[in-house]
Protein backbone atom coordinates (compact mmCIF):
# COMPACT_ATOMS: atom_id res chain seq x y z
CA UNK A 1 11.13 29.76 150.96
CA UNK A 2 9.94 30.73 147.50
CA UNK A 3 11.44 29.58 144.20
CA UNK A 4 11.55 31.68 141.02
CA UNK A 5 12.69 30.99 137.47
CA UNK A 6 14.96 33.27 135.45
CA UNK A 7 13.35 34.12 132.09
CA UNK A 8 15.24 34.13 128.78
CA UNK A 9 15.56 37.93 129.28
CA UNK A 10 17.13 37.35 132.75
CA UNK A 11 14.01 38.59 134.55
CA UNK A 12 12.50 37.20 137.74
CA UNK A 13 9.11 37.77 139.37
CA UNK A 14 9.15 38.48 143.09
CA UNK A 15 6.47 36.26 144.65
CA UNK A 16 3.33 38.03 145.92
CA UNK A 17 3.87 36.96 149.53
CA UNK A 18 7.35 38.53 149.54
CA UNK A 19 6.14 41.71 147.78
CA UNK A 20 3.35 42.19 150.29
CA UNK A 21 5.56 41.48 153.32
CA UNK A 22 8.16 44.05 152.19
CA UNK A 23 5.66 46.56 150.82
CA UNK A 24 7.20 46.58 147.33
CA UNK A 25 5.47 48.59 144.61
CA UNK A 26 5.66 48.49 140.79
CA UNK A 27 8.46 50.75 139.56
CA UNK A 28 10.27 50.75 142.91
CA UNK A 29 14.04 50.56 142.65
CA UNK A 30 16.10 47.86 144.34
CA UNK A 31 19.84 47.63 144.77
CA UNK A 32 21.38 44.40 143.47
CA UNK A 33 24.35 43.12 145.44
CA UNK A 34 26.35 39.99 144.59
CA UNK A 35 27.44 38.54 147.94
CA UNK A 36 29.49 35.36 148.18
CA UNK A 37 27.45 32.80 146.24
CA UNK A 38 24.12 34.63 146.19
CA UNK A 39 22.28 37.73 144.97
CA UNK A 40 20.70 40.18 147.42
CA UNK A 41 17.99 42.64 146.40
CA UNK A 42 17.74 45.63 148.76
CA UNK A 43 14.63 47.82 148.33
CA UNK A 44 15.60 51.48 148.07
CA UNK A 45 13.46 53.81 150.15
CA UNK A 46 13.11 57.57 149.70
CA UNK A 47 14.90 59.57 152.41
CA UNK A 48 11.58 61.12 153.43
CA UNK A 49 10.21 57.66 154.22
CA UNK A 50 13.14 57.00 156.59
CA UNK A 51 12.46 60.09 158.68
CA UNK A 52 12.06 59.21 162.35
CA UNK A 53 12.93 55.51 162.03
CA UNK A 54 15.41 55.82 164.94
CA UNK A 55 12.84 57.44 167.24
CA UNK A 56 12.84 55.72 170.63
CA UNK A 57 16.35 54.34 170.23
CA UNK A 58 18.28 54.15 173.52
CA UNK A 59 21.03 56.80 173.39
CA UNK A 60 22.29 56.25 176.95
CA UNK A 61 25.85 55.17 176.26
CA UNK A 62 29.29 56.58 176.94
CA UNK A 63 30.62 58.70 174.10
CA UNK A 64 34.21 58.97 172.98
CA UNK A 65 35.95 62.11 174.33
CA UNK A 66 36.40 63.67 170.86
CA UNK A 67 32.65 63.28 170.12
CA UNK A 68 31.24 65.36 173.00
């Protein structure tokens, strides 16, 4: 687990290991969510980058009658 320090301007630096693991780039937007007693940063991805991410998902399940 990495530790960061909040600057006087309320800025933090995301550690290199975390940036590389998540593929974060300079200028990329993240969504900030306060959750219980913590802060979550969710990287926002362009819709084009998400294309096909469900490929190969198992769709063999029973559907509700109104969804056929």
